[in-house]
Each structure stands twice: as structure tokens, then as C-alpha cells.
Amino acid sequence: MRQSGFTVKAIEAVDMSKVKKKLGVPAGLASAAARGRKGGRKPVITAERLQRAREHIANGLNVREAAARLKVGKTALYAALQAASAANS
């Protein structure tokens, strides 16, 4: 990258918080929260899909096969099953 004229600098966490504050990130997040908005990606596994996945697994399918039938990733299904079992415990 230096050959093409770019310089790369590592930014420390302390400096990064100053940059975020200067850009107004905390204020923007607080404003979004006040409007009832939350950042991040929408969950792929809905409550309905989770219930259907549990039914598939109870009928003898493994998690990979259940995920394929629901057209979701097996990692996402594993995470949703684990989160649901942790919430119920």
C-alpha cells in the first residue's frame, strides 16, 4: 500500500472513542433507541421457524437436515436452539 501512496495507521481504542464522539455516534444511537430502533441484522430464525425446527428434530431429523428444510444455515439454527434453551433454563 505504501507503494501506491497510502499510509496505514493503527488507531488505539482511546483514539477511536474520540473519533466516534466527534462523529456523533453515541448521540445517534441514543436517538435511534428513543425511537424504538435497534441496530444490527434482523434474526433469521423466527419463533415460527424455531418451532418448526424443533418439530423436525423431534421427528428424527438432525440439525443440518432441519436447517436445510427451513432454508437457514445450520450455524444460525444451532445458535437459536442454544439461545432458546438458555432462556428456558
Protein backbone atom coordinates (compact mmCIF):
# COMPACT_ATOMS: atom_id res chain seq x y z
CA MET A 1 0.00 0.00 0.00
CA ARG A 2 2.92 2.33 0.63
CA GLN A 3 3.97 1.93 -2.98
CA SER A 4 0.66 3.34 -4.14
CA GLY A 5 0.93 6.34 -1.82
CA PHE A 6 -1.30 5.19 1.05
CA THR A 7 -0.24 5.13 4.66
CA VAL A 8 -1.80 2.87 7.24
CA LYS A 9 -2.02 3.83 10.89
CA ALA A 10 -3.24 1.77 13.81
CA ILE A 11 -5.78 3.63 15.90
CA GLU A 12 -5.92 2.91 19.62
CA ALA A 13 -9.24 2.33 21.32
CA VAL A 14 -8.95 5.61 23.23
CA ASP A 15 -8.47 7.50 19.98
CA MET A 16 -11.33 5.59 18.37
CA SER A 17 -13.76 6.64 21.09
CA LYS A 18 -12.79 10.26 20.45
CA VAL A 19 -13.44 9.80 16.74
CA LYS A 20 -16.83 8.22 17.40
CA LYS A 21 -17.77 11.01 19.78
CA LYS A 22 -16.71 13.63 17.22
CA LEU A 23 -18.84 11.93 14.54
CA GLY A 24 -21.84 11.85 16.87
CA VAL A 25 -22.18 8.08 17.08
CA PRO A 26 -23.35 7.92 20.73
CA ALA A 27 -25.94 10.63 20.11
CA GLY A 28 -27.17 8.83 17.00
CA LEU A 29 -27.53 5.53 18.87
CA ALA A 30 -29.38 7.25 21.71
CA SER A 31 -31.69 8.95 19.22
CA ALA A 32 -32.41 5.64 17.49
CA ALA A 33 -33.11 3.95 20.82
CA ALA A 34 -35.54 6.73 21.73
CA ARG A 35 -37.44 5.99 18.52
CA GLY A 36 -37.55 2.29 19.38
CA ARG A 37 -34.98 1.27 16.77
CA LYS A 38 -32.22 -1.21 17.41
CA GLY A 39 -29.11 -1.69 15.30
CA GLY A 40 -27.96 -4.93 13.83
CA ARG A 41 -29.18 -7.54 11.45
CA LYS A 42 -32.67 -9.00 11.74
CA PRO A 43 -32.71 -12.53 13.14
CA VAL A 44 -33.08 -15.24 10.52
CA ILE A 45 -34.70 -17.73 12.89
CA THR A 46 -38.17 -16.52 13.84
CA ALA A 47 -40.24 -18.12 16.60
CA GLU A 48 -42.26 -19.96 13.97
CA ARG A 49 -39.15 -21.33 12.25
CA LEU A 50 -37.69 -22.35 15.60
CA GLN A 51 -40.86 -24.27 16.45
CA ARG A 52 -40.82 -25.99 13.05
CA ALA A 53 -37.15 -26.88 13.51
CA ARG A 54 -37.92 -28.45 16.88
CA GLU A 55 -40.70 -30.49 15.25
CA HIS A 56 -38.32 -31.69 12.51
CA ILE A 57 -35.71 -32.66 15.09
CA ALA A 58 -38.34 -34.48 17.20
CA ASN A 59 -39.35 -36.42 14.08
CA GLY A 60 -35.81 -37.74 13.71
CA LEU A 61 -34.02 -35.22 11.50
CA ASN A 62 -30.67 -33.89 12.59
CA VAL A 63 -29.98 -30.16 12.85
CA ARG A 64 -28.32 -29.99 9.44
CA GLU A 65 -31.33 -31.57 7.73
CA ALA A 66 -33.80 -29.42 9.66
CA ALA A 67 -31.86 -26.29 8.69
CA ALA A 68 -31.87 -27.34 5.05
CA ARG A 69 -35.64 -27.85 5.08
CA LEU A 70 -36.15 -24.41 6.65
CA LYS A 71 -33.65 -22.85 4.24
CA VAL A 72 -31.49 -21.39 7.01
CA GLY A 73 -27.89 -22.01 7.97
CA LYS A 74 -27.13 -24.78 10.42
CA THR A 75 -24.98 -22.41 12.47
CA ALA A 76 -27.88 -19.98 12.82
CA LEU A 77 -30.19 -22.81 13.83
CA TYR A 78 -27.72 -24.14 16.40
CA ALA A 79 -27.36 -20.63 17.86
CA ALA A 80 -31.14 -20.13 18.02
CA LEU A 81 -31.69 -23.52 19.67
CA GLN A 82 -28.97 -22.79 22.21
CA ALA A 83 -30.31 -19.31 22.96
CA ALA A 84 -33.82 -20.66 23.39
CA SER A 85 -32.69 -23.43 25.73
CA ALA A 86 -30.65 -20.93 27.76
CA ALA A 87 -33.67 -18.62 28.02
CA ASN A 88 -35.86 -21.50 29.22
CA SER A 89 -33.34 -22.61 31.87
